Amino acid sequence: SGKAIIVGVPGAFTPPCSSQVPGYIQHADEFKSKGVSDI
């Protein structure tokens, strides 16, 4: 329910995934301010 983001990644600890996912953590409050309840 509401607005959420589902992010699929090939594998934990792989270099591309480990560079992508921190952006979602760092910008979590900005996502929330745009109505995203959960990532």
All heavy atoms as atom14 arrays in JSON, in Angstrom:
{
  "sequence": "SGKAIIVGVPGAFTPPCSSQVPGYIQHADEFKSKGVSDI",
  "atom14_mask": [
    [1, 1, 1, 1, 1, 1, 0, 0, 0, 0, 0, 0, 0, 0],
    [1, 1, 1, 1, 0, 0, 0, 0, 0, 0, 0, 0, 0, 0],
    [1, 1, 1, 1, 1, 1, 1, 1, 1, 0, 0, 0, 0, 0],
    [1, 1, 1, 1, 1, 0, 0, 0, 0, 0, 0, 0, 0, 0],
    [1, 1, 1, 1, 1, 1, 1, 1, 0, 0, 0, 0, 0, 0],
    [1, 1, 1, 1, 1, 1, 1, 1, 0, 0, 0, 0, 0, 0],
    [1, 1, 1, 1, 1, 1, 1, 0, 0, 0, 0, 0, 0, 0],
    [1, 1, 1, 1, 0, 0, 0, 0, 0, 0, 0, 0, 0, 0],
    [1, 1, 1, 1, 1, 1, 1, 0, 0, 0, 0, 0, 0, 0],
    [1, 1, 1, 1, 1, 1, 1, 0, 0, 0, 0, 0, 0, 0],
    [1, 1, 1, 1, 0, 0, 0, 0, 0, 0, 0, 0, 0, 0],
    [1, 1, 1, 1, 1, 0, 0, 0, 0, 0, 0, 0, 0, 0],
    [1, 1, 1, 1, 1, 1, 1, 1, 1, 1, 1, 0, 0, 0],
    [1, 1, 1, 1, 1, 1, 1, 0, 0, 0, 0, 0, 0, 0],
    [1, 1, 1, 1, 1, 1, 1, 0, 0, 0, 0, 0, 0, 0],
    [1, 1, 1, 1, 1, 1, 1, 0, 0, 0, 0, 0, 0, 0],
    [1, 1, 1, 1, 1, 1, 0, 0, 0, 0, 0, 0, 0, 0],
    [1, 1, 1, 1, 1, 1, 0, 0, 0, 0, 0, 0, 0, 0],
    [1, 1, 1, 1, 1, 1, 0, 0, 0, 0, 0, 0, 0, 0],
    [1, 1, 1, 1, 1, 1, 1, 1, 1, 0, 0, 0, 0, 0],
    [1, 1, 1, 1, 1, 1, 1, 0, 0, 0, 0, 0, 0, 0],
    [1, 1, 1, 1, 1, 1, 1, 0, 0, 0, 0, 0, 0, 0],
    [1, 1, 1, 1, 0, 0, 0, 0, 0, 0, 0, 0, 0, 0],
    [1, 1, 1, 1, 1, 1, 1, 1, 1, 1, 1, 1, 0, 0],
    [1, 1, 1, 1, 1, 1, 1, 1, 0, 0, 0, 0, 0, 0],
    [1, 1, 1, 1, 1, 1, 1, 1, 1, 0, 0, 0, 0, 0],
    [1, 1, 1, 1, 1, 1, 1, 1, 1, 1, 0, 0, 0, 0],
    [1, 1, 1, 1, 1, 0, 0, 0, 0, 0, 0, 0, 0, 0],
    [1, 1, 1, 1, 1, 1, 1, 1, 0, 0, 0, 0, 0, 0],
    [1, 1, 1, 1, 1, 1, 1, 1, 1, 0, 0, 0, 0, 0],
    [1, 1, 1, 1, 1, 1, 1, 1, 1, 1, 1, 0, 0, 0],
    [1, 1, 1, 1, 1, 1, 1, 1, 1, 0, 0, 0, 0, 0],
    [1, 1, 1, 1, 1, 1, 0, 0, 0, 0, 0, 0, 0, 0],
    [1, 1, 1, 1, 1, 1, 1, 1, 1, 0, 0, 0, 0, 0],
    [1, 1, 1, 1, 0, 0, 0, 0, 0, 0, 0, 0, 0, 0],
    [1, 1, 1, 1, 1, 1, 1, 0, 0, 0, 0, 0, 0, 0],
    [1, 1, 1, 1, 1, 1, 0, 0, 0, 0, 0, 0, 0, 0],
    [1, 1, 1, 1, 1, 1, 1, 1, 0, 0, 0, 0, 0, 0],
    [1, 1, 1, 1, 1, 1, 1, 1, 0, 0, 0, 0, 0, 0]
  ],
  "atom14_positions": [
    [[0.85, -1.19, 0.0], [0.0, 0.0, 0.0], [0.89, 1.24, 0.0], [2.01, 1.21, 0.48], [-0.94, -0.01, 1.2], [-0.2, -0.02, 2.39], [0.0, 0.0, 0.0], [0.0, 0.0, 0.0], [0.0, 0.0, 0.0], [0.0, 0.0, 0.0], [0.0, 0.0, 0.0], [0.0, 0.0, 0.0], [0.0, 0.0, 0.0], [0.0, 0.0, 0.0]],
    [[0.36, 2.31, -0.57], [1.14, 3.54, -0.67], [2.19, 3.42, -1.75], [2.09, 2.61, -2.67], [0.0, 0.0, 0.0], [0.0, 0.0, 0.0], [0.0, 0.0, 0.0], [0.0, 0.0, 0.0], [0.0, 0.0, 0.0], [0.0, 0.0, 0.0], [0.0, 0.0, 0.0], [0.0, 0.0, 0.0], [0.0, 0.0, 0.0], [0.0, 0.0, 0.0]],
    [[3.23, 4.25, -1.62], [4.31, 4.27, -2.61], [5.56, 3.63, -2.01], [5.95, 3.95, -0.88], [4.63, 5.71, -3.03], [5.62, 5.81, -4.17], [6.05, 7.25, -4.47], [4.95, 8.04, -5.1], [5.41, 9.39, -5.53], [0.0, 0.0, 0.0], [0.0, 0.0, 0.0], [0.0, 0.0, 0.0], [0.0, 0.0, 0.0], [0.0, 0.0, 0.0]],
    [[6.17, 2.73, -2.76], [7.39, 2.04, -2.33], [8.3, 1.85, -3.54], [7.87, 1.99, -4.68], [7.04, 0.69, -1.71], [0.0, 0.0, 0.0], [0.0, 0.0, 0.0], [0.0, 0.0, 0.0], [0.0, 0.0, 0.0], [0.0, 0.0, 0.0], [0.0, 0.0, 0.0], [0.0, 0.0, 0.0], [0.0, 0.0, 0.0], [0.0, 0.0, 0.0]],
    [[9.53, 1.52, -3.25], [10.49, 1.2, -4.32], [11.06, -0.18, -4.04], [11.45, -0.49, -2.91], [11.61, 2.25, -4.39], [11.01, 3.6, -4.75], [12.67, 1.84, -5.42], [11.99, 4.74, -4.76], [0.0, 0.0, 0.0], [0.0, 0.0, 0.0], [0.0, 0.0, 0.0], [0.0, 0.0, 0.0], [0.0, 0.0, 0.0], [0.0, 0.0, 0.0]],
    [[11.07, -1.01, -5.08], [11.69, -2.33, -4.99], [12.93, -2.27, -5.89], [12.83, -1.96, -7.08], [10.75, -3.44, -5.48], [9.46, -3.46, -4.65], [11.46, -4.8, -5.42], [8.38, -4.38, -5.21], [0.0, 0.0, 0.0], [0.0, 0.0, 0.0], [0.0, 0.0, 0.0], [0.0, 0.0, 0.0], [0.0, 0.0, 0.0], [0.0, 0.0, 0.0]],
    [[14.09, -2.55, -5.29], [15.36, -2.52, -6.02], [15.9, -3.94, -6.08], [16.15, -4.55, -5.04], [16.38, -1.6, -5.32], [17.7, -1.58, -6.06], [15.83, -0.19, -5.16], [0.0, 0.0, 0.0], [0.0, 0.0, 0.0], [0.0, 0.0, 0.0], [0.0, 0.0, 0.0], [0.0, 0.0, 0.0], [0.0, 0.0, 0.0], [0.0, 0.0, 0.0]],
    [[16.05, -4.47, -7.27], [16.61, -5.8, -7.45], [18.08, -5.69, -7.82], [18.44, -4.87, -8.68], [0.0, 0.0, 0.0], [0.0, 0.0, 0.0], [0.0, 0.0, 0.0], [0.0, 0.0, 0.0], [0.0, 0.0, 0.0], [0.0, 0.0, 0.0], [0.0, 0.0, 0.0], [0.0, 0.0, 0.0], [0.0, 0.0, 0.0], [0.0, 0.0, 0.0]],
    [[18.91, -6.5, -7.17], [20.35, -6.49, -7.44], [20.84, -7.92, -7.69], [20.33, -8.86, -7.1], [21.14, -5.84, -6.28], [20.75, -4.38, -6.12], [20.96, -6.58, -4.98], [0.0, 0.0, 0.0], [0.0, 0.0, 0.0], [0.0, 0.0, 0.0], [0.0, 0.0, 0.0], [0.0, 0.0, 0.0], [0.0, 0.0, 0.0], [0.0, 0.0, 0.0]],
    [[21.86, -8.07, -8.55], [22.38, -9.4, -8.85], [23.02, -10.11, -7.66], [22.88, -11.32, -7.51], [23.42, -9.15, -9.94], [22.98, -7.88, -10.59], [22.39, -7.07, -9.46], [0.0, 0.0, 0.0], [0.0, 0.0, 0.0], [0.0, 0.0, 0.0], [0.0, 0.0, 0.0], [0.0, 0.0, 0.0], [0.0, 0.0, 0.0], [0.0, 0.0, 0.0]],
    [[23.73, -9.37, -6.79], [24.37, -10.07, -5.7], [24.95, -9.17, -4.64], [25.64, -8.2, -4.96], [0.0, 0.0, 0.0], [0.0, 0.0, 0.0], [0.0, 0.0, 0.0], [0.0, 0.0, 0.0], [0.0, 0.0, 0.0], [0.0, 0.0, 0.0], [0.0, 0.0, 0.0], [0.0, 0.0, 0.0], [0.0, 0.0, 0.0], [0.0, 0.0, 0.0]],
    [[24.66, -9.49, -3.38], [25.25, -8.77, -2.26], [26.77, -8.85, -2.35], [27.33, -9.85, -2.81], [24.78, -9.4, -0.95], [0.0, 0.0, 0.0], [0.0, 0.0, 0.0], [0.0, 0.0, 0.0], [0.0, 0.0, 0.0], [0.0, 0.0, 0.0], [0.0, 0.0, 0.0], [0.0, 0.0, 0.0], [0.0, 0.0, 0.0], [0.0, 0.0, 0.0]],
    [[27.42, -7.8, -1.94], [28.88, -7.69, -1.87], [29.56, -7.55, -3.23], [30.77, -7.4, -3.28], [29.52, -8.83, -1.07], [29.26, -8.76, 0.41], [28.34, -9.59, 1.02], [29.93, -7.84, 1.2], [28.1, -9.52, 2.38], [29.7, -7.76, 2.56], [28.77, -8.61, 3.16], [0.0, 0.0, 0.0], [0.0, 0.0, 0.0], [0.0, 0.0, 0.0]],
    [[28.83, -7.63, -4.33], [29.48, -7.41, -5.63], [29.76, -5.92, -5.75], [29.01, -5.09, -5.21], [28.61, -7.9, -6.81], [27.4, -7.15, -6.83], [28.31, -9.39, -6.7], [0.0, 0.0, 0.0], [0.0, 0.0, 0.0], [0.0, 0.0, 0.0], [0.0, 0.0, 0.0], [0.0, 0.0, 0.0], [0.0, 0.0, 0.0], [0.0, 0.0, 0.0]],
    [[30.83, -5.53, -6.45], [31.18, -4.1, -6.53], [30.07, -3.2, -7.07], [29.77, -2.17, -6.45], [32.43, -4.09, -7.41], [33.06, -5.43, -7.16], [31.88, -6.38, -7.02], [0.0, 0.0, 0.0], [0.0, 0.0, 0.0], [0.0, 0.0, 0.0], [0.0, 0.0, 0.0], [0.0, 0.0, 0.0], [0.0, 0.0, 0.0], [0.0, 0.0, 0.0]],
    [[29.39, -3.54, -8.19], [28.34, -2.63, -8.66], [27.19, -2.49, -7.66], [26.69, -1.39, -7.43], [27.85, -3.26, -9.97], [28.96, -4.14, -10.42], [29.61, -4.65, -9.16], [0.0, 0.0, 0.0], [0.0, 0.0, 0.0], [0.0, 0.0, 0.0], [0.0, 0.0, 0.0], [0.0, 0.0, 0.0], [0.0, 0.0, 0.0], [0.0, 0.0, 0.0]],
    [[26.78, -3.59, -7.06], [25.66, -3.55, -6.1], [26.06, -2.76, -4.86], [25.26, -1.99, -4.31], [25.23, -4.95, -5.71], [24.65, -5.93, -7.12], [0.0, 0.0, 0.0], [0.0, 0.0, 0.0], [0.0, 0.0, 0.0], [0.0, 0.0, 0.0], [0.0, 0.0, 0.0], [0.0, 0.0, 0.0], [0.0, 0.0, 0.0], [0.0, 0.0, 0.0]],
    [[27.29, -2.93, -4.43], [27.77, -2.23, -3.24], [28.02, -0.75, -3.5], [28.18, 0.02, -2.56], [29.04, -2.9, -2.7], [28.72, -4.2, -2.23], [0.0, 0.0, 0.0], [0.0, 0.0, 0.0], [0.0, 0.0, 0.0], [0.0, 0.0, 0.0], [0.0, 0.0, 0.0], [0.0, 0.0, 0.0], [0.0, 0.0, 0.0], [0.0, 0.0, 0.0]],
    [[28.04, -0.34, -4.78], [28.12, 1.08, -5.08], [26.73, 1.67, -5.32], [26.52, 2.86, -5.13], [29.02, 1.33, -6.3], [28.41, 0.86, -7.48], [0.0, 0.0, 0.0], [0.0, 0.0, 0.0], [0.0, 0.0, 0.0], [0.0, 0.0, 0.0], [0.0, 0.0, 0.0], [0.0, 0.0, 0.0], [0.0, 0.0, 0.0], [0.0, 0.0, 0.0]],
    [[25.78, 0.86, -5.72], [24.42, 1.32, -6.01], [23.59, 1.52, -4.75], [22.95, 2.55, -4.57], [23.71, 0.32, -6.93], [22.25, 0.63, -7.17], [21.49, -0.51, -7.8], [21.88, -1.67, -7.7], [20.39, -0.19, -8.46], [0.0, 0.0, 0.0], [0.0, 0.0, 0.0], [0.0, 0.0, 0.0], [0.0, 0.0, 0.0], [0.0, 0.0, 0.0]],
    [[23.55, 0.54, -3.89], [22.62, 0.51, -2.76], [22.87, 1.62, -1.74], [21.89, 2.18, -1.21], [22.62, -0.9, -2.1], [21.84, -0.91, -0.8], [22.04, -1.91, -3.09], [0.0, 0.0, 0.0], [0.0, 0.0, 0.0], [0.0, 0.0, 0.0], [0.0, 0.0, 0.0], [0.0, 0.0, 0.0], [0.0, 0.0, 0.0], [0.0, 0.0, 0.0]],
    [[24.1, 2.03, -1.46], [24.28, 3.12, -0.5], [23.52, 4.41, -0.87], [23.1, 5.15, 0.02], [25.8, 3.35, -0.5], [26.35, 2.0, -0.79], [25.4, 1.44, -1.83], [0.0, 0.0, 0.0], [0.0, 0.0, 0.0], [0.0, 0.0, 0.0], [0.0, 0.0, 0.0], [0.0, 0.0, 0.0], [0.0, 0.0, 0.0], [0.0, 0.0, 0.0]],
    [[23.3, 4.66, -2.14], [22.53, 5.83, -2.54], [21.11, 5.79, -2.01], [20.54, 6.83, -1.63], [0.0, 0.0, 0.0], [0.0, 0.0, 0.0], [0.0, 0.0, 0.0], [0.0, 0.0, 0.0], [0.0, 0.0, 0.0], [0.0, 0.0, 0.0], [0.0, 0.0, 0.0], [0.0, 0.0, 0.0], [0.0, 0.0, 0.0], [0.0, 0.0, 0.0]],
    [[20.52, 4.61, -1.97], [19.17, 4.47, -1.44], [19.14, 4.71, 0.08], [18.19, 5.27, 0.61], [18.57, 3.11, -1.8], [18.19, 3.04, -3.26], [19.08, 2.54, -4.21], [16.97, 3.53, -3.69], [18.75, 2.51, -5.56], [16.62, 3.49, -5.04], [17.53, 3.0, -5.97], [17.19, 2.99, -7.31], [0.0, 0.0, 0.0], [0.0, 0.0, 0.0]],
    [[20.21, 4.3, 0.75], [20.31, 4.53, 2.2], [20.53, 6.03, 2.46], [19.83, 6.63, 3.28], [21.47, 3.7, 2.8], [21.19, 2.2, 2.63], [21.68, 4.06, 4.27], [22.4, 1.31, 2.88], [0.0, 0.0, 0.0], [0.0, 0.0, 0.0], [0.0, 0.0, 0.0], [0.0, 0.0, 0.0], [0.0, 0.0, 0.0], [0.0, 0.0, 0.0]],
    [[21.47, 6.63, 1.74], [21.8, 8.05, 1.95], [20.64, 8.97, 1.62], [20.48, 10.02, 2.25], [23.02, 8.42, 1.09], [24.29, 7.75, 1.53], [25.38, 7.81, 0.46], [25.18, 8.3, -0.63], [26.55, 7.3, 0.82], [0.0, 0.0, 0.0], [0.0, 0.0, 0.0], [0.0, 0.0, 0.0], [0.0, 0.0, 0.0], [0.0, 0.0, 0.0]],
    [[19.83, 8.61, 0.64], [18.72, 9.47, 0.21], [17.36, 9.02, 0.76], [16.32, 9.48, 0.27], [18.67, 9.53, -1.32], [19.88, 10.14, -1.93], [20.21, 11.47, -1.78], [20.86, 9.6, -2.69], [21.33, 11.73, -2.43], [21.75, 10.6, -2.98], [0.0, 0.0, 0.0], [0.0, 0.0, 0.0], [0.0, 0.0, 0.0], [0.0, 0.0, 0.0]],
    [[17.36, 8.15, 1.76], [16.11, 7.61, 2.29], [15.14, 8.7, 2.73], [13.94, 8.62, 2.46], [16.39, 6.65, 3.45], [0.0, 0.0, 0.0], [0.0, 0.0, 0.0], [0.0, 0.0, 0.0], [0.0, 0.0, 0.0], [0.0, 0.0, 0.0], [0.0, 0.0, 0.0], [0.0, 0.0, 0.0], [0.0, 0.0, 0.0], [0.0, 0.0, 0.0]],
    [[15.63, 9.74, 3.39], [14.75, 10.83, 3.83], [14.19, 11.61, 2.65], [13.03, 12.05, 2.69], [15.48, 11.77, 4.79], [15.72, 11.12, 6.15], [14.99, 10.17, 6.5], [16.65, 11.58, 6.86], [0.0, 0.0, 0.0], [0.0, 0.0, 0.0], [0.0, 0.0, 0.0], [0.0, 0.0, 0.0], [0.0, 0.0, 0.0], [0.0, 0.0, 0.0]],
    [[14.99, 11.79, 1.6], [14.5, 12.49, 0.41], [13.42, 11.67, -0.28], [12.42, 12.23, -0.76], [15.65, 12.79, -0.55], [16.64, 13.81, -0.01], [17.87, 13.92, -0.89], [17.74, 14.43, -2.02], [18.95, 13.47, -0.43], [0.0, 0.0, 0.0], [0.0, 0.0, 0.0], [0.0, 0.0, 0.0], [0.0, 0.0, 0.0], [0.0, 0.0, 0.0]],
    [[13.62, 10.35, -0.35], [12.58, 9.48, -0.91], [11.3, 9.62, -0.08], [10.2, 9.73, -0.62], [13.03, 8.02, -0.96], [13.89, 7.69, -2.14], [15.26, 7.48, -2.0], [13.36, 7.57, -3.42], [16.06, 7.16, -3.09], [14.14, 7.26, -4.51], [15.5, 7.05, -4.35], [0.0, 0.0, 0.0], [0.0, 0.0, 0.0], [0.0, 0.0, 0.0]],
    [[11.46, 9.62, 1.24], [10.31, 9.73, 2.14], [9.57, 11.05, 1.9], [8.34, 11.08, 1.87], [10.77, 9.63, 3.6], [9.62, 9.39, 4.57], [10.13, 9.18, 5.98], [10.34, 7.71, 6.18], [10.59, 7.33, 7.57], [0.0, 0.0, 0.0], [0.0, 0.0, 0.0], [0.0, 0.0, 0.0], [0.0, 0.0, 0.0], [0.0, 0.0, 0.0]],
    [[10.32, 12.13, 1.68], [9.68, 13.44, 1.45], [8.91, 13.47, 0.13], [8.05, 14.32, -0.07], [10.72, 14.57, 1.49], [11.52, 14.56, 0.32], [0.0, 0.0, 0.0], [0.0, 0.0, 0.0], [0.0, 0.0, 0.0], [0.0, 0.0, 0.0], [0.0, 0.0, 0.0], [0.0, 0.0, 0.0], [0.0, 0.0, 0.0], [0.0, 0.0, 0.0]],
    [[9.21, 12.52, -0.76], [8.48, 12.42, -2.03], [7.39, 11.34, -1.97], [6.9, 10.89, -3.0], [9.45, 12.14, -3.17], [10.38, 13.33, -3.43], [10.96, 13.29, -4.8], [11.76, 14.56, -5.03], [11.74, 14.93, -6.42], [0.0, 0.0, 0.0], [0.0, 0.0, 0.0], [0.0, 0.0, 0.0], [0.0, 0.0, 0.0], [0.0, 0.0, 0.0]],
    [[7.07, 10.91, -0.75], [5.95, 10.0, -0.56], [6.3, 8.52, -0.54], [5.41, 7.68, -0.44], [0.0, 0.0, 0.0], [0.0, 0.0, 0.0], [0.0, 0.0, 0.0], [0.0, 0.0, 0.0], [0.0, 0.0, 0.0], [0.0, 0.0, 0.0], [0.0, 0.0, 0.0], [0.0, 0.0, 0.0], [0.0, 0.0, 0.0], [0.0, 0.0, 0.0]],
    [[7.58, 8.18, -0.63], [7.99, 6.76, -0.62], [8.08, 6.29, 0.84], [8.91, 6.79, 1.6], [9.35, 6.57, -1.33], [9.84, 5.13, -1.18], [9.25, 6.97, -2.79], [0.0, 0.0, 0.0], [0.0, 0.0, 0.0], [0.0, 0.0, 0.0], [0.0, 0.0, 0.0], [0.0, 0.0, 0.0], [0.0, 0.0, 0.0], [0.0, 0.0, 0.0]],
    [[7.22, 5.36, 1.2], [7.21, 4.89, 2.58], [8.35, 3.92, 2.86], [8.96, 3.97, 3.93], [5.87, 4.24, 2.92], [5.62, 3.15, 2.07], [0.0, 0.0, 0.0], [0.0, 0.0, 0.0], [0.0, 0.0, 0.0], [0.0, 0.0, 0.0], [0.0, 0.0, 0.0], [0.0, 0.0, 0.0], [0.0, 0.0, 0.0], [0.0, 0.0, 0.0]],
    [[8.63, 3.02, 1.91], [9.67, 2.01, 2.13], [10.42, 1.71, 0.85], [9.88, 1.82, -0.26], [9.04, 0.71, 2.65], [8.5, 0.86, 4.06], [9.32, 0.91, 4.99], [7.27, 0.95, 4.21], [0.0, 0.0, 0.0], [0.0, 0.0, 0.0], [0.0, 0.0, 0.0], [0.0, 0.0, 0.0], [0.0, 0.0, 0.0], [0.0, 0.0, 0.0]],
    [[11.68, 1.31, 1.03], [12.55, 0.88, -0.06], [12.97, -0.55, 0.27], [13.45, -0.82, 1.38], [13.78, 1.79, -0.19], [13.34, 3.23, -0.47], [14.73, 1.27, -1.28], [14.45, 4.27, -0.31], [0.0, 0.0, 0.0], [0.0, 0.0, 0.0], [0.0, 0.0, 0.0], [0.0, 0.0, 0.0], [0.0, 0.0, 0.0], [0.0, 0.0, 0.0]]
  ]
}
